[in-house]
């Protein structure tokens, strides 16, 4: 029998086909890149095919990020992590 945390981690990894170490490396600088107020209400979920997936806490925040802050955050990520060649950010609830 496996612990539920192990199962969830495995399923999440398979769904996003992520490299967990890459996903967590983005979290290292997420506060600085996104800003403290955004970072408190979001979580980096994974990185797949040069797209960073970020979970947000509300539809209002999703709208704000997609319409007003996405390009700024994307440019900061590209500067902070040039080796990852990030092409997009997908915000999800």
C-alpha atoms as a PDB file:
ATOM      1  CA  UNK A   1       0.000   0.000   0.000  1.00  0.00           C
ATOM      2  CA  UNK A   2       1.313   3.462  -0.908  1.00  0.00           C
ATOM      3  CA  UNK A   3       0.894   6.743   0.909  1.00  0.00           C
ATOM      4  CA  UNK A   4      -1.598   9.057  -0.825  1.00  0.00           C
ATOM      5  CA  UNK A   5       1.072  11.774  -1.125  1.00  0.00           C
ATOM      6  CA  UNK A   6       3.240   9.465  -3.219  1.00  0.00           C
ATOM      7  CA  UNK A   7       0.331   8.624  -5.520  1.00  0.00           C
ATOM      8  CA  UNK A   8      -0.619  12.286  -5.995  1.00  0.00           C
ATOM      9  CA  UNK A   9       2.985  13.254  -6.723  1.00  0.00           C
ATOM     10  CA  UNK A  10       3.308  10.478  -9.307  1.00  0.00           C
ATOM     11  CA  UNK A  11       0.013  11.316 -11.044  1.00  0.00           C
ATOM     12  CA  UNK A  12       0.830  15.043 -11.096  1.00  0.00           C
ATOM     13  CA  UNK A  13       4.230  14.295 -12.557  1.00  0.00           C
ATOM     14  CA  UNK A  14       2.712  12.095 -15.261  1.00  0.00           C
ATOM     15  CA  UNK A  15       0.011  14.621 -16.145  1.00  0.00           C
ATOM     16  CA  UNK A  16       2.464  17.480 -16.514  1.00  0.00           C
ATOM     17  CA  UNK A  17       5.302  15.238 -17.676  1.00  0.00           C
ATOM     18  CA  UNK A  18       7.436  17.422 -15.503  1.00  0.00           C
ATOM     19  CA  UNK A  19      10.893  17.174 -14.131  1.00  0.00           C
ATOM     20  CA  UNK A  20      10.227  17.854 -10.418  1.00  0.00           C
ATOM     21  CA  UNK A  21      13.630  19.421  -9.926  1.00  0.00           C
ATOM     22  CA  UNK A  22      12.987  21.920 -12.723  1.00  0.00           C
ATOM     23  CA  UNK A  23       9.582  22.834 -11.339  1.00  0.00           C
ATOM     24  CA  UNK A  24      10.965  23.446  -7.887  1.00  0.00           C
ATOM     25  CA  UNK A  25      13.920  25.428  -9.218  1.00  0.00           C
ATOM     26  CA  UNK A  26      11.432  28.019 -10.502  1.00  0.00           C
ATOM     27  CA  UNK A  27      10.006  28.304  -7.017  1.00  0.00           C
ATOM     28  CA  UNK A  28      13.402  29.434  -5.751  1.00  0.00           C
ATOM     29  CA  UNK A  29      13.038  32.861  -7.384  1.00  0.00           C
ATOM     30  CA  UNK A  30       9.270  32.979  -7.837  1.00  0.00           C
ATOM     31  CA  UNK A  31       8.844  35.549  -5.019  1.00  0.00           C
ATOM     32  CA  UNK A  32      11.237  37.957  -6.702  1.00  0.00           C
ATOM     33  CA  UNK A  33       9.954  37.393 -10.236  1.00  0.00           C
ATOM     34  CA  UNK A  34       6.216  37.536  -9.516  1.00  0.00           C
ATOM     35  CA  UNK A  35       6.308  39.886  -6.550  1.00  0.00           C
ATOM     36  CA  UNK A  36       5.504  39.059  -2.947  1.00  0.00           C
ATOM     37  CA  UNK A  37       1.743  39.642  -3.153  1.00  0.00           C
ATOM     38  CA  UNK A  38       1.350  37.421  -6.243  1.00  0.00           C
ATOM     39  CA  UNK A  39       3.726  34.762  -4.921  1.00  0.00           C
ATOM     40  CA  UNK A  40       1.667  34.391  -1.743  1.00  0.00           C
ATOM     41  CA  UNK A  41      -1.429  33.571  -3.809  1.00  0.00           C
ATOM     42  CA  UNK A  42       0.180  31.298  -6.417  1.00  0.00           C
ATOM     43  CA  UNK A  43       2.247  28.117  -6.655  1.00  0.00           C
ATOM     44  CA  UNK A  44       4.511  26.846  -9.401  1.00  0.00           C
ATOM     45  CA  UNK A  45       3.084  23.476 -10.446  1.00  0.00           C
ATOM     46  CA  UNK A  46       5.318  22.286 -13.252  1.00  0.00           C
ATOM     47  CA  UNK A  47       7.277  22.924 -16.404  1.00  0.00           C
ATOM     48  CA  UNK A  48       6.489  21.114 -19.661  1.00  0.00           C
ATOM     49  CA  UNK A  49       7.552  21.842 -23.233  1.00  0.00           C
ATOM     50  CA  UNK A  50       8.977  25.237 -22.216  1.00  0.00           C
ATOM     51  CA  UNK A  51       5.701  26.291 -20.562  1.00  0.00           C
ATOM     52  CA  UNK A  52       5.563  27.096 -16.847  1.00  0.00           C
ATOM     53  CA  UNK A  53       2.290  26.083 -15.128  1.00  0.00           C
ATOM     54  CA  UNK A  54       1.249  28.194 -12.138  1.00  0.00           C
ATOM     55  CA  UNK A  55      -1.753  27.534  -9.903  1.00  0.00           C
ATOM     56  CA  UNK A  56      -3.643  30.625  -8.739  1.00  0.00           C
ATOM     57  CA  UNK A  57      -6.079  30.913  -5.854  1.00  0.00           C
ATOM     58  CA  UNK A  58      -8.990  32.716  -7.510  1.00  0.00           C
ATOM     59  CA  UNK A  59     -10.613  33.640 -10.814  1.00  0.00           C
ATOM     60  CA  UNK A  60     -10.006  37.327 -10.068  1.00  0.00           C
ATOM     61  CA  UNK A  61      -6.271  36.726  -9.681  1.00  0.00           C
ATOM     62  CA  UNK A  62      -6.264  34.587 -12.825  1.00  0.00           C
ATOM     63  CA  UNK A  63      -7.794  37.487 -14.765  1.00  0.00           C
ATOM     64  CA  UNK A  64      -5.320  39.992 -13.321  1.00  0.00           C
ATOM     65  CA  UNK A  65      -2.308  37.845 -14.120  1.00  0.00           C
ATOM     66  CA  UNK A  66      -3.410  36.895 -17.638  1.00  0.00           C
ATOM     67  CA  UNK A  67      -4.423  40.384 -18.683  1.00  0.00           C
ATOM     68  CA  UNK A  68      -2.024  42.682 -16.875  1.00  0.00           C
ATOM     69  CA  UNK A  69       1.026  40.920 -15.445  1.00  0.00           C
ATOM     70  CA  UNK A  70       1.764  37.898 -17.617  1.00  0.00           C
ATOM     71  CA  UNK A  71       4.175  39.575 -20.062  1.00  0.00           C
ATOM     72  CA  UNK A  72       6.168  41.275 -17.284  1.00  0.00           C
ATOM     73  CA  UNK A  73       6.477  38.046 -15.296  1.00  0.00           C
ATOM     74  CA  UNK A  74       7.404  36.099 -18.441  1.00  0.00           C
ATOM     75  CA  UNK A  75      10.206  38.537 -19.299  1.00  0.00           C
ATOM     76  CA  UNK A  76      11.556  38.377 -15.732  1.00  0.00           C
ATOM     77  CA  UNK A  77      11.489  34.563 -15.869  1.00  0.00           C
ATOM     78  CA  UNK A  78      13.351  34.543 -19.168  1.00  0.00           C
ATOM     79  CA  UNK A  79      16.014  36.764 -17.619  1.00  0.00           C
ATOM     80  CA  UNK A  80      16.241  34.754 -14.380  1.00  0.00           C
ATOM     81  CA  UNK A  81      16.255  31.345 -16.132  1.00  0.00           C
ATOM     82  CA  UNK A  82      17.723  31.739 -19.628  1.00  0.00           C
ATOM     83  CA  UNK A  83      18.775  28.071 -19.681  1.00  0.00           C
ATOM     84  CA  UNK A  84      15.114  26.924 -19.627  1.00  0.00           C
ATOM     85  CA  UNK A  85      14.102  28.901 -22.744  1.00  0.00           C
ATOM     86  CA  UNK A  86      10.637  29.595 -21.311  1.00  0.00           C
ATOM     87  CA  UNK A  87       8.132  30.493 -24.031  1.00  0.00           C
ATOM     88  CA  UNK A  88       4.904  30.869 -22.037  1.00  0.00           C
ATOM     89  CA  UNK A  89       3.188  30.811 -18.656  1.00  0.00           C
ATOM     90  CA  UNK A  90      -0.164  29.105 -18.134  1.00  0.00           C
ATOM     91  CA  UNK A  91      -2.095  30.182 -15.072  1.00  0.00           C
ATOM     92  CA  UNK A  92      -4.662  27.667 -13.806  1.00  0.00           C
ATOM     93  CA  UNK A  93      -7.146  27.556 -10.946  1.00  0.00           C
END
